[in-house]
Amino acid sequence: MKAMFDLVNRPWVGAVLWLAGLGIPLMLNQTWVFIAALFAVYAIVALSQDVVLGRAGMFDMGHAVYFGVGAYVTAILNTVYGWPILATWPLAVLAAALVGTLLAAPIVKLRGDYLLVATIGFNAIFILALDNNLGHLTGGADGVFAIGVPSLFGLQASSQNAQFWLGWVAFAAVMLLMRNLDRSHLGRTMYYIKHDQLAATTMGVDTRKYRVLAFALGAALAGFAGTLYATLTASVSPGSFKFTESVTLFAIVLVGGQGSIPGVLLGTVLMFVVPQAFQSFERYRYFVFDIAMVLVMVLRPQGIWPRVARKERAR
């Protein structure tokens, strides 16, 4: 098992699997092409959750807020103000990062359960604001509809296959970013703060700054996933960003393995793709699924595919 984990952790293996994934539209029907495109979106937002939880060690149970901010900024700018979809993406990412920074700044000194409860409160406030049609822009419980399709140099990604490939290119870019983060000073510092904040503080590390940066980066990536979600589904509503969505993202990282890119991707498959495959067993699938998740956490609390620590020790 360890040899298999080491093999798949190699960059060239991930590249081969990603290239194989590009052929999904040629092999599966349109329903599964749509699910595969959504997998790319949820993998990105799960990786963004892993920045906060898996790398910085902070319990963020309101991560769907940043996901929703990115989606709603794209939806509103496109449908109300007529912005092209691709032009909304940078602003949506910046808006999500700003929200993450503003929410994190007063609470990053909290630890464990206290931080978790504070982020739950943020998620509740966000959904309340959306339901009440904030600024007469969010559409209330119905949300925002008729979102346009991305276009570049006159070419429109209007087909399901085109949007799938757009999502998978974005997915590859985020995975590359995460690999570079792990090797960067910022990524290593966040990881060390997670494992021994007292020692990091003693060595002169400004732990508060790095924890806020982790929230901001995680929020920015989640906002990017939100723009892709709005583009793919052509509509957004409060139900897509409620508290249960934050719980699912939290569970993906815990079940897959904190700080592990392959682990988070595996967790996304188990928590998102597998339930889609068993929709015909709607009455029972979540019961069986939740029992399986509890068993994983009891039998393998570090996650199915945890981060390999020997490289950090070598550094």
C-alpha atoms as a PDB file:
ATOM      1  CA  MET A   1       0.000   0.000   0.000  1.00  0.00           C
ATOM      2  CA  LYS A   2       2.809   2.404   0.900  1.00  0.00           C
ATOM      3  CA  ALA A   3       4.545   1.675  -2.425  1.00  0.00           C
ATOM      4  CA  MET A   4       1.328   2.473  -4.293  1.00  0.00           C
ATOM      5  CA  PHE A   5       0.927   5.774  -2.394  1.00  0.00           C
ATOM      6  CA  ASP A   6       4.522   6.733  -3.212  1.00  0.00           C
ATOM      7  CA  LEU A   7       3.978   5.925  -6.890  1.00  0.00           C
ATOM      8  CA  VAL A   8       0.798   7.996  -7.276  1.00  0.00           C
ATOM      9  CA  ASN A   9       2.391  10.909  -5.401  1.00  0.00           C
ATOM     10  CA  ARG A  10       4.857  11.328  -8.294  1.00  0.00           C
ATOM     11  CA  PRO A  11       4.006  14.289 -10.546  1.00  0.00           C
ATOM     12  CA  TRP A  12       4.139  12.360 -13.819  1.00  0.00           C
ATOM     13  CA  VAL A  13       1.512   9.885 -12.579  1.00  0.00           C
ATOM     14  CA  GLY A  14      -0.856  12.725 -11.742  1.00  0.00           C
ATOM     15  CA  ALA A  15      -0.256  14.248 -15.188  1.00  0.00           C
ATOM     16  CA  VAL A  16      -1.065  10.945 -16.896  1.00  0.00           C
ATOM     17  CA  LEU A  17      -4.287  10.533 -14.896  1.00  0.00           C
ATOM     18  CA  TRP A  18      -5.312  14.111 -15.705  1.00  0.00           C
ATOM     19  CA  LEU A  19      -4.665  13.591 -19.426  1.00  0.00           C
ATOM     20  CA  ALA A  20      -6.726  10.401 -19.283  1.00  0.00           C
ATOM     21  CA  GLY A  21      -9.515  12.402 -17.664  1.00  0.00           C
ATOM     22  CA  LEU A  22      -9.608  14.748 -20.667  1.00  0.00           C
ATOM     23  CA  GLY A  23     -11.022  11.841 -22.665  1.00  0.00           C
ATOM     24  CA  ILE A  24     -14.116  11.501 -20.462  1.00  0.00           C
ATOM     25  CA  PRO A  25     -16.412  13.310 -22.963  1.00  0.00           C
ATOM     26  CA  LEU A  26     -15.389  10.776 -25.611  1.00  0.00           C
ATOM     27  CA  MET A  27     -16.202   7.769 -23.414  1.00  0.00           C
ATOM     28  CA  LEU A  28     -19.221   8.690 -21.252  1.00  0.00           C
ATOM     29  CA  ASN A  29     -22.655  10.186 -21.761  1.00  0.00           C
ATOM     30  CA  GLN A  30     -23.447  13.835 -21.069  1.00  0.00           C
ATOM     31  CA  THR A  31     -24.738  13.160 -17.551  1.00  0.00           C
ATOM     32  CA  TRP A  32     -21.373  11.804 -16.488  1.00  0.00           C
ATOM     33  CA  VAL A  33     -19.540  14.544 -18.369  1.00  0.00           C
ATOM     34  CA  PHE A  34     -21.453  17.065 -16.239  1.00  0.00           C
ATOM     35  CA  ILE A  35     -20.635  15.114 -13.043  1.00  0.00           C
ATOM     36  CA  ALA A  36     -16.951  14.974 -14.043  1.00  0.00           C
ATOM     37  CA  ALA A  37     -16.971  18.735 -14.629  1.00  0.00           C
ATOM     38  CA  LEU A  38     -18.544  19.268 -11.201  1.00  0.00           C
ATOM     39  CA  PHE A  39     -15.905  16.962  -9.727  1.00  0.00           C
ATOM     40  CA  ALA A  40     -13.226  19.374 -10.980  1.00  0.00           C
ATOM     41  CA  VAL A  41     -15.055  22.265  -9.295  1.00  0.00           C
ATOM     42  CA  TYR A  42     -15.507  20.433  -5.992  1.00  0.00           C
ATOM     43  CA  ALA A  43     -11.918  19.185  -6.075  1.00  0.00           C
ATOM     44  CA  ILE A  44     -10.742  22.806  -6.317  1.00  0.00           C
ATOM     45  CA  VAL A  45     -12.926  23.967  -3.422  1.00  0.00           C
ATOM     46  CA  ALA A  46     -11.867  20.916  -1.363  1.00  0.00           C
ATOM     47  CA  LEU A  47      -8.205  21.753  -2.000  1.00  0.00           C
ATOM     48  CA  SER A  48      -8.951  25.308  -0.879  1.00  0.00           C
ATOM     49  CA  GLN A  49     -10.417  23.917   2.341  1.00  0.00           C
ATOM     50  CA  ASP A  50      -7.258  21.861   2.750  1.00  0.00           C
ATOM     51  CA  VAL A  51      -5.146  25.038   2.709  1.00  0.00           C
ATOM     52  CA  VAL A  52      -6.910  26.160   5.880  1.00  0.00           C
ATOM     53  CA  LEU A  53      -7.460  22.818   7.602  1.00  0.00           C
ATOM     54  CA  GLY A  54      -4.770  20.507   6.260  1.00  0.00           C
ATOM     55  CA  ARG A  55      -1.877  22.935   5.985  1.00  0.00           C
ATOM     56  CA  ALA A  56      -2.594  25.625   8.580  1.00  0.00           C
ATOM     57  CA  GLY A  57      -4.524  23.381  10.995  1.00  0.00           C
ATOM     58  CA  MET A  58      -7.501  25.717  11.519  1.00  0.00           C
ATOM     59  CA  PHE A  59     -11.044  24.406  11.942  1.00  0.00           C
ATOM     60  CA  ASP A  60     -13.016  26.290   9.284  1.00  0.00           C
ATOM     61  CA  MET A  61     -16.624  25.110   9.169  1.00  0.00           C
ATOM     62  CA  GLY A  62     -17.825  28.003   7.031  1.00  0.00           C
ATOM     63  CA  HIS A  63     -15.752  27.506   3.913  1.00  0.00           C
ATOM     64  CA  ALA A  64     -18.821  27.425   1.661  1.00  0.00           C
ATOM     65  CA  VAL A  65     -19.083  31.191   2.281  1.00  0.00           C
ATOM     66  CA  TYR A  66     -16.079  31.911   0.040  1.00  0.00           C
ATOM     67  CA  PHE A  67     -17.322  29.392  -2.519  1.00  0.00           C
ATOM     68  CA  GLY A  68     -20.619  31.275  -2.584  1.00  0.00           C
ATOM     69  CA  VAL A  69     -19.002  34.719  -2.756  1.00  0.00           C
ATOM     70  CA  GLY A  70     -17.126  33.760  -5.930  1.00  0.00           C
ATOM     71  CA  ALA A  71     -20.250  32.261  -7.506  1.00  0.00           C
ATOM     72  CA  TYR A  72     -22.512  35.200  -6.671  1.00  0.00           C
ATOM     73  CA  VAL A  73     -20.015  37.859  -7.783  1.00  0.00           C
ATOM     74  CA  THR A  74     -19.764  36.184 -11.182  1.00  0.00           C
ATOM     75  CA  ALA A  75     -23.534  35.687 -11.406  1.00  0.00           C
ATOM     76  CA  ILE A  76     -24.407  39.286 -10.453  1.00  0.00           C
ATOM     77  CA  LEU A  77     -21.761  40.968 -12.596  1.00  0.00           C
ATOM     78  CA  ASN A  78     -22.824  38.908 -15.611  1.00  0.00           C
ATOM     79  CA  THR A  79     -26.630  39.031 -15.301  1.00  0.00           C
ATOM     80  CA  VAL A  80     -27.117  42.499 -13.785  1.00  0.00           C
ATOM     81  CA  TYR A  81     -24.196  44.497 -15.182  1.00  0.00           C
ATOM     82  CA  GLY A  82     -23.515  42.572 -18.375  1.00  0.00           C
ATOM     83  CA  TRP A  83     -19.874  41.711 -17.698  1.00  0.00           C
ATOM     84  CA  PRO A  84     -18.361  38.881 -19.794  1.00  0.00           C
ATOM     85  CA  ILE A  85     -17.925  35.743 -17.721  1.00  0.00           C
ATOM     86  CA  LEU A  86     -14.130  35.606 -17.945  1.00  0.00           C
ATOM     87  CA  ALA A  87     -13.896  39.276 -16.948  1.00  0.00           C
ATOM     88  CA  THR A  88     -15.767  38.514 -13.714  1.00  0.00           C
ATOM     89  CA  TRP A  89     -13.324  35.828 -12.595  1.00  0.00           C
ATOM     90  CA  PRO A  90     -10.492  38.041 -11.235  1.00  0.00           C
ATOM     91  CA  LEU A  91     -12.920  40.234  -9.297  1.00  0.00           C
ATOM     92  CA  ALA A  92     -14.735  37.205  -7.901  1.00  0.00           C
ATOM     93  CA  VAL A  93     -11.449  35.722  -6.664  1.00  0.00           C
ATOM     94  CA  LEU A  94     -10.391  39.040  -5.121  1.00  0.00           C
ATOM     95  CA  ALA A  95     -13.802  39.467  -3.458  1.00  0.00           C
ATOM     96  CA  ALA A  96     -13.587  35.989  -1.915  1.00  0.00           C
ATOM     97  CA  ALA A  97     -10.020  36.631  -0.709  1.00  0.00           C
ATOM     98  CA  LEU A  98     -11.086  39.958   0.813  1.00  0.00           C
ATOM     99  CA  VAL A  99     -14.030  38.357   2.612  1.00  0.00           C
ATOM    100  CA  GLY A 100     -11.760  35.586   3.893  1.00  0.00           C
ATOM    101  CA  THR A 101      -9.237  38.116   5.187  1.00  0.00           C
ATOM    102  CA  LEU A 102     -11.854  40.312   6.874  1.00  0.00           C
ATOM    103  CA  LEU A 103     -13.539  37.342   8.536  1.00  0.00           C
ATOM    104  CA  ALA A 104     -10.269  35.728   9.597  1.00  0.00           C
ATOM    105  CA  ALA A 105      -8.513  38.795  11.028  1.00  0.00           C
ATOM    106  CA  PRO A 106     -10.547  38.998  14.277  1.00  0.00           C
ATOM    107  CA  ILE A 107     -10.802  35.243  14.921  1.00  0.00           C
ATOM    108  CA  VAL A 108      -7.490  33.601  13.960  1.00  0.00           C
ATOM    109  CA  LYS A 109      -6.286  33.749  17.564  1.00  0.00           C
ATOM    110  CA  LEU A 110      -9.108  31.400  18.526  1.00  0.00           C
ATOM    111  CA  ARG A 111      -8.231  27.730  18.772  1.00  0.00           C
ATOM    112  CA  GLY A 112     -10.101  24.483  18.131  1.00  0.00           C
ATOM    113  CA  ASP A 113     -13.815  24.487  18.924  1.00  0.00           C
ATOM    114  CA  TYR A 114     -13.999  28.259  19.395  1.00  0.00           C
ATOM    115  CA  LEU A 115     -12.727  28.913  15.869  1.00  0.00           C
ATOM    116  CA  LEU A 116     -15.062  26.262  14.505  1.00  0.00           C
ATOM    117  CA  VAL A 117     -18.126  27.851  16.148  1.00  0.00           C
ATOM    118  CA  ALA A 118     -17.172  31.315  14.866  1.00  0.00           C
ATOM    119  CA  THR A 119     -16.938  30.073  11.266  1.00  0.00           C
ATOM    120  CA  ILE A 120     -20.287  28.290  11.599  1.00  0.00           C
ATOM    121  CA  GLY A 121     -21.755  31.669  12.524  1.00  0.00           C
ATOM    122  CA  PHE A 122     -20.296  33.251   9.375  1.00  0.00           C
ATOM    123  CA  ASN A 123     -21.952  30.589   7.225  1.00  0.00           C
ATOM    124  CA  ALA A 124     -25.328  31.198   8.879  1.00  0.00           C
ATOM    125  CA  ILE A 125     -25.064  34.980   8.375  1.00  0.00           C
ATOM    126  CA  PHE A 126     -24.109  34.521   4.717  1.00  0.00           C
ATOM    127  CA  ILE A 127     -27.103  32.283   3.945  1.00  0.00           C
ATOM    128  CA  LEU A 128     -29.404  34.688   5.798  1.00  0.00           C
ATOM    129  CA  ALA A 129     -28.125  37.587   3.683  1.00  0.00           C
ATOM    130  CA  LEU A 130     -28.675  35.625   0.452  1.00  0.00           C
ATOM    131  CA  ASP A 131     -32.176  34.529   1.458  1.00  0.00           C
ATOM    132  CA  ASN A 132     -33.112  38.145   2.192  1.00  0.00           C
ATOM    133  CA  ASN A 133     -32.026  39.286  -1.284  1.00  0.00           C
ATOM    134  CA  LEU A 134     -29.008  41.327  -0.200  1.00  0.00           C
ATOM    135  CA  GLY A 135     -28.990  44.668  -2.016  1.00  0.00           C
ATOM    136  CA  HIS A 136     -31.812  43.367  -4.237  1.00  0.00           C
ATOM    137  CA  LEU A 137     -29.104  41.556  -6.175  1.00  0.00           C
ATOM    138  CA  THR A 138     -28.956  37.973  -4.877  1.00  0.00           C
ATOM    139  CA  GLY A 139     -32.506  36.976  -5.858  1.00  0.00           C
ATOM    140  CA  GLY A 140     -33.517  35.679  -2.435  1.00  0.00           C
ATOM    141  CA  ALA A 141     -34.219  31.957  -2.094  1.00  0.00           C
ATOM    142  CA  ASP A 142     -34.558  31.609  -5.884  1.00  0.00           C
ATOM    143  CA  GLY A 143     -31.020  32.845  -6.535  1.00  0.00           C
ATOM    144  CA  VAL A 144     -29.671  34.152  -9.841  1.00  0.00           C
ATOM    145  CA  PHE A 145     -30.452  32.482 -13.162  1.00  0.00           C
ATOM    146  CA  ALA A 146     -29.548  32.730 -16.856  1.00  0.00           C
ATOM    147  CA  ILE A 147     -25.818  33.148 -16.293  1.00  0.00           C
ATOM    148  CA  GLY A 148     -23.977  33.402 -19.605  1.00  0.00           C
ATOM    149  CA  VAL A 149     -21.252  31.180 -21.024  1.00  0.00           C
ATOM    150  CA  PRO A 150     -17.556  32.074 -21.179  1.00  0.00           C
ATOM    151  CA  SER A 151     -16.187  33.312 -24.478  1.00  0.00           C
ATOM    152  CA  LEU A 152     -12.713  34.234 -25.693  1.00  0.00           C
ATOM    153  CA  PHE A 153     -11.857  35.851 -29.036  1.00  0.00           C
ATOM    154  CA  GLY A 154     -15.375  35.133 -30.254  1.00  0.00           C
ATOM    155  CA  LEU A 155     -15.276  31.450 -29.293  1.00  0.00           C
ATOM    156  CA  GLN A 156     -17.974  30.422 -26.815  1.00  0.00           C
ATOM    157  CA  ALA A 157     -17.706  27.471 -24.425  1.00  0.00           C
ATOM    158  CA  SER A 158     -21.422  26.764 -24.766  1.00  0.00           C
ATOM    159  CA  SER A 159     -21.322  22.985 -25.074  1.00  0.00           C
ATOM    160  CA  GLN A 160     -21.072  20.643 -22.108  1.00  0.00           C
ATOM    161  CA  ASN A 161     -17.818  19.207 -23.409  1.00  0.00           C
ATOM    162  CA  ALA A 162     -16.215  22.647 -23.795  1.00  0.00           C
ATOM    163  CA  GLN A 163     -17.153  23.606 -20.249  1.00  0.00           C
ATOM    164  CA  PHE A 164     -15.819  20.269 -19.000  1.00  0.00           C
ATOM    165  CA  TRP A 165     -12.423  20.928 -20.600  1.00  0.00           C
ATOM    166  CA  LEU A 166     -12.397  24.476 -19.234  1.00  0.00           C
ATOM    167  CA  GLY A 167     -13.021  23.123 -15.730  1.00  0.00           C
ATOM    168  CA  TRP A 168     -10.307  20.486 -16.053  1.00  0.00           C
ATOM    169  CA  VAL A 169      -7.727  22.996 -17.244  1.00  0.00           C
ATOM    170  CA  ALA A 170      -8.546  25.133 -14.187  1.00  0.00           C
ATOM    171  CA  PHE A 171      -8.333  21.997 -12.028  1.00  0.00           C
ATOM    172  CA  ALA A 172      -4.824  21.237 -13.343  1.00  0.00           C
ATOM    173  CA  ALA A 173      -3.714  24.816 -12.680  1.00  0.00           C
ATOM    174  CA  VAL A 174      -4.900  24.632  -9.059  1.00  0.00           C
ATOM    175  CA  MET A 175      -3.178  21.282  -8.478  1.00  0.00           C
ATOM    176  CA  LEU A 176       0.071  22.763  -9.810  1.00  0.00           C
ATOM    177  CA  LEU A 177      -0.386  25.745  -7.501  1.00  0.00           C
ATOM    178  CA  MET A 178      -0.904  23.438  -4.520  1.00  0.00           C
ATOM    179  CA  ARG A 179       2.242  21.456  -5.309  1.00  0.00           C
ATOM    180  CA  ASN A 180       4.234  24.686  -5.500  1.00  0.00           C
ATOM    181  CA  LEU A 181       2.650  25.871  -2.244  1.00  0.00           C
ATOM    182  CA  ASP A 182       3.906  22.751  -0.464  1.00  0.00           C
ATOM    183  CA  ARG A 183       7.454  23.557  -1.583  1.00  0.00           C
ATOM    184  CA  SER A 184       7.279  27.263  -0.844  1.00  0.00           C
ATOM    185  CA  HIS A 185       8.307  29.134   2.300  1.00  0.00           C
ATOM    186  CA  LEU A 186       4.667  30.048   2.906  1.00  0.00           C
ATOM    187  CA  GLY A 187       3.452  26.450   2.665  1.00  0.00           C
ATOM    188  CA  ARG A 188       6.191  25.035   4.905  1.00  0.00           C
ATOM    189  CA  THR A 189       5.656  27.773   7.489  1.00  0.00           C
ATOM    190  CA  MET A 190       1.909  27.103   7.645  1.00  0.00           C
ATOM    191  CA  TYR A 191       2.580  23.382   8.034  1.00  0.00           C
ATOM    192  CA  TYR A 192       5.028  23.954  10.906  1.00  0.00           C
ATOM    193  CA  ILE A 193       2.643  26.355  12.648  1.00  0.00           C
ATOM    194  CA  LYS A 194      -0.036  23.677  12.447  1.00  0.00           C
ATOM    195  CA  HIS A 195       2.138  21.100  14.187  1.00  0.00           C
ATOM    196  CA  ASP A 196       3.804  23.313  16.786  1.00  0.00           C
ATOM    197  CA  GLN A 197       2.562  26.875  16.989  1.00  0.00           C
ATOM    198  CA  LEU A 198       4.421  27.538  20.238  1.00  0.00           C
ATOM    199  CA  ALA A 199       7.756  26.541  18.728  1.00  0.00           C
ATOM    200  CA  ALA A 200       7.087  28.661  15.643  1.00  0.00           C
ATOM    201  CA  THR A 201       6.259  31.671  17.815  1.00  0.00           C
ATOM    202  CA  THR A 202       9.415  31.108  19.859  1.00  0.00           C
ATOM    203  CA  MET A 203      11.448  31.158  16.646  1.00  0.00           C
ATOM    204  CA  GLY A 204      10.022  34.579  15.793  1.00  0.00           C
ATOM    205  CA  VAL A 205       7.366  33.538  13.264  1.00  0.00           C
ATOM    206  CA  ASP A 206       4.376  35.885  13.092  1.00  0.00           C
ATOM    207  CA  THR A 207       1.818  33.093  13.405  1.00  0.00           C
ATOM    208  CA  ARG A 208      -1.189  35.415  13.193  1.00  0.00           C
ATOM    209  CA  LYS A 209      -0.038  36.769   9.825  1.00  0.00           C
ATOM    210  CA  TYR A 210       0.441  33.328   8.352  1.00  0.00           C
ATOM    211  CA  ARG A 211      -2.900  32.092   9.650  1.00  0.00           C
ATOM    212  CA  VAL A 212      -4.656  35.072   8.044  1.00  0.00           C
ATOM    213  CA  LEU A 213      -2.743  34.405   4.818  1.00  0.00           C
ATOM    214  CA  ALA A 214      -3.939  30.794   4.901  1.00  0.00           C
ATOM    215  CA  PHE A 215      -7.538  31.954   5.199  1.00  0.00           C
ATOM    216  CA  ALA A 216      -7.067  34.483   2.379  1.00  0.00           C
ATOM    217  CA  LEU A 217      -5.462  31.954   0.024  1.00  0.00           C
ATOM    218  CA  GLY A 218      -8.047  29.282   0.828  1.00  0.00           C
ATOM    219  CA  ALA A 219     -10.851  31.809   0.291  1.00  0.00           C
ATOM    220  CA  ALA A 220      -9.374  32.947  -3.041  1.00  0.00           C
ATOM    221  CA  LEU A 221      -9.218  29.371  -4.357  1.00  0.00           C
ATOM    222  CA  ALA A 222     -12.746  28.692  -3.107  1.00  0.00           C
ATOM    223  CA  GLY A 223     -13.919  31.865  -4.864  1.00  0.00           C
ATOM    224  CA  PHE A 224     -12.303  30.625  -8.064  1.00  0.00           C
ATOM    225  CA  ALA A 225     -14.193  27.341  -7.693  1.00  0.00           C
ATOM    226  CA  GLY A 226     -17.364  29.385  -7.176  1.00  0.00           C
ATOM    227  CA  THR A 227     -16.908  31.214 -10.488  1.00  0.00           C
ATOM    228  CA  LEU A 228     -16.492  27.860 -12.248  1.00  0.00           C
ATOM    229  CA  TYR A 229     -19.595  26.526 -10.502  1.00  0.00           C
ATOM    230  CA  ALA A 230     -21.696  29.503 -11.607  1.00  0.00           C
ATOM    231  CA  THR A 231     -20.368  29.164 -15.154  1.00  0.00           C
ATOM    232  CA  LEU A 232     -21.058  25.435 -15.323  1.00  0.00           C
ATOM    233  CA  THR A 233     -24.537  25.393 -13.768  1.00  0.00           C
ATOM    234  CA  ALA A 234     -25.729  28.759 -15.198  1.00  0.00           C
ATOM    235  CA  SER A 235     -27.528  29.471 -11.912  1.00  0.00           C
ATOM    236  CA  VAL A 236     -26.724  29.930  -8.226  1.00  0.00           C
ATOM    237  CA  SER A 237     -28.940  29.805  -5.142  1.00  0.00           C
ATOM    238  CA  PRO A 238     -28.408  29.829  -1.350  1.00  0.00           C
ATOM    239  CA  GLY A 239     -29.014  26.082  -1.142  1.00  0.00           C
ATOM    240  CA  SER A 240     -25.706  25.401  -2.882  1.00  0.00           C
ATOM    241  CA  PHE A 241     -23.686  27.125  -0.137  1.00  0.00           C
ATOM    242  CA  LYS A 242     -25.485  26.209   3.065  1.00  0.00           C
ATOM    243  CA  PHE A 243     -23.859  24.835   6.212  1.00  0.00           C
ATOM    244  CA  THR A 244     -24.122  21.206   5.061  1.00  0.00           C
ATOM    245  CA  GLU A 245     -21.895  22.142   2.118  1.00  0.00           C
ATOM    246  CA  SER A 246     -19.216  23.375   4.533  1.00  0.00           C
ATOM    247  CA  VAL A 247     -19.571  20.138   6.518  1.00  0.00           C
ATOM    248  CA  THR A 248     -19.074  18.106   3.335  1.00  0.00           C
ATOM    249  CA  LEU A 249     -15.904  20.037   2.433  1.00  0.00           C
ATOM    250  CA  PHE A 250     -14.590  19.567   5.979  1.00  0.00           C
ATOM    251  CA  ALA A 251     -15.328  15.832   5.783  1.00  0.00           C
ATOM    252  CA  ILE A 252     -13.626  15.475   2.384  1.00  0.00           C
ATOM    253  CA  VAL A 253     -10.340  16.701   3.834  1.00  0.00           C
ATOM    254  CA  LEU A 254     -10.636  14.614   7.014  1.00  0.00           C
ATOM    255  CA  VAL A 255     -11.562  11.403   5.217  1.00  0.00           C
ATOM    256  CA  GLY A 256      -9.102  11.817   2.338  1.00  0.00           C
ATOM    257  CA  GLY A 257      -6.133  12.980   4.405  1.00  0.00           C
ATOM    258  CA  GLN A 258      -5.138  16.428   5.621  1.00  0.00           C
ATOM    259  CA  GLY A 259      -2.411  18.173   3.643  1.00  0.00           C
ATOM    260  CA  SER A 260      -2.405  15.485   0.949  1.00  0.00           C
ATOM    261  CA  ILE A 261      -3.388  16.420  -2.621  1.00  0.00           C
ATOM    262  CA  PRO A 262      -4.104  12.789  -3.673  1.00  0.00           C
ATOM    263  CA  GLY A 263      -5.967  12.291  -0.386  1.00  0.00           C
ATOM    264  CA  VAL A 264      -8.216  15.302  -0.948  1.00  0.00           C
ATOM    265  CA  LEU A 265      -8.947  14.181  -4.514  1.00  0.00           C
ATOM    266  CA  LEU A 266      -9.795  10.694  -3.264  1.00  0.00           C
ATOM    267  CA  GLY A 267     -12.038  12.223  -0.605  1.00  0.00           C
ATOM    268  CA  THR A 268     -13.812  14.251  -3.310  1.00  0.00           C
ATOM    269  CA  VAL A 269     -14.460  11.079  -5.292  1.00  0.00           C
ATOM    270  CA  LEU A 270     -15.866   9.302  -2.235  1.00  0.00           C
ATOM    271  CA  MET A 271     -17.938  12.227  -0.952  1.00  0.00           C
ATOM    272  CA  PHE A 272     -19.192  13.592  -4.281  1.00  0.00           C
ATOM    273  CA  VAL A 273     -18.847  11.182  -7.210  1.00  0.00           C
ATOM    274  CA  VAL A 274     -19.812   7.952  -5.410  1.00  0.00           C
ATOM    275  CA  PRO A 275     -23.128   9.348  -4.051  1.00  0.00           C
ATOM    276  CA  GLN A 276     -23.975  10.474  -7.597  1.00  0.00           C
ATOM    277  CA  ALA A 277     -23.487   6.916  -8.822  1.00  0.00           C
ATOM    278  CA  PHE A 278     -26.010   5.572  -6.304  1.00  0.00           C
ATOM    279  CA  GLN A 279     -28.815   8.058  -6.806  1.00  0.00           C
ATOM    280  CA  SER A 280     -31.212   5.199  -7.521  1.00  0.00           C
ATOM    281  CA  PHE A 281     -30.810   4.195  -3.853  1.00  0.00           C
ATOM    282  CA  GLU A 282     -31.757   7.686  -2.661  1.00  0.00           C
ATOM    283  CA  ARG A 283     -33.431   6.455   0.534  1.00  0.00           C
ATOM    284  CA  TYR A 284     -30.433   4.459   1.727  1.00  0.00           C
ATOM    285  CA  ARG A 285     -27.291   5.862   0.130  1.00  0.00           C
ATOM    286  CA  TYR A 286     -26.588   8.594   2.679  1.00  0.00           C
ATOM    287  CA  PHE A 287     -27.192   6.249   5.600  1.00  0.00           C
ATOM    288  CA  VAL A 288     -24.694   3.702   4.241  1.00  0.00           C
ATOM    289  CA  PHE A 289     -22.336   6.479   3.229  1.00  0.00           C
ATOM    290  CA  ASP A 290     -22.326   8.103   6.695  1.00  0.00           C
ATOM    291  CA  ILE A 291     -21.698   4.761   8.382  1.00  0.00           C
ATOM    292  CA  ALA A 292     -18.746   4.172   6.045  1.00  0.00           C
ATOM    293  CA  MET A 293     -17.374   7.630   6.845  1.00  0.00           C
ATOM    294  CA  VAL A 294     -17.558   6.958  10.597  1.00  0.00           C
ATOM    295  CA  LEU A 295     -15.731   3.645  10.113  1.00  0.00           C
ATOM    296  CA  VAL A 296     -12.964   5.371   8.155  1.00  0.00           C
ATOM    297  CA  MET A 297     -12.485   7.968  10.899  1.00  0.00           C
ATOM    298  CA  VAL A 298     -12.410   5.290  13.611  1.00  0.00           C
ATOM    299  CA  LEU A 299     -10.110   2.857  11.804  1.00  0.00           C
ATOM    300  CA  ARG A 300      -7.882   5.407  10.062  1.00  0.00           C
ATOM    301  CA  PRO A 301      -8.166   8.770  11.849  1.00  0.00           C
ATOM    302  CA  GLN A 302      -5.305  10.300   9.842  1.00  0.00           C
ATOM    303  CA  GLY A 303      -7.383   9.832   6.666  1.00  0.00           C
ATOM    304  CA  ILE A 304      -7.221   7.292   3.876  1.00  0.00           C
ATOM    305  CA  TRP A 305      -4.289   8.968   2.129  1.00  0.00           C
ATOM    306  CA  PRO A 306      -2.421  11.156   4.658  1.00  0.00           C
ATOM    307  CA  ARG A 307       0.411  13.513   3.897  1.00  0.00           C
ATOM    308  CA  VAL A 308       3.870  11.930   3.861  1.00  0.00           C
ATOM    309  CA  ALA A 309       5.901  13.622   6.582  1.00  0.00           C
ATOM    310  CA  ARG A 310       9.408  12.377   5.849  1.00  0.00           C
ATOM    311  CA  LYS A 311      10.157  15.209   3.380  1.00  0.00           C
ATOM    312  CA  GLU A 312       9.284  17.818   6.005  1.00  0.00           C
ATOM    313  CA  ARG A 313      11.548  16.073   8.502  1.00  0.00           C
ATOM    314  CA  ALA A 314      14.383  16.070   5.961  1.00  0.00           C
ATOM    315  CA  ARG A 315      14.016  19.807   5.439  1.00  0.00           C
END
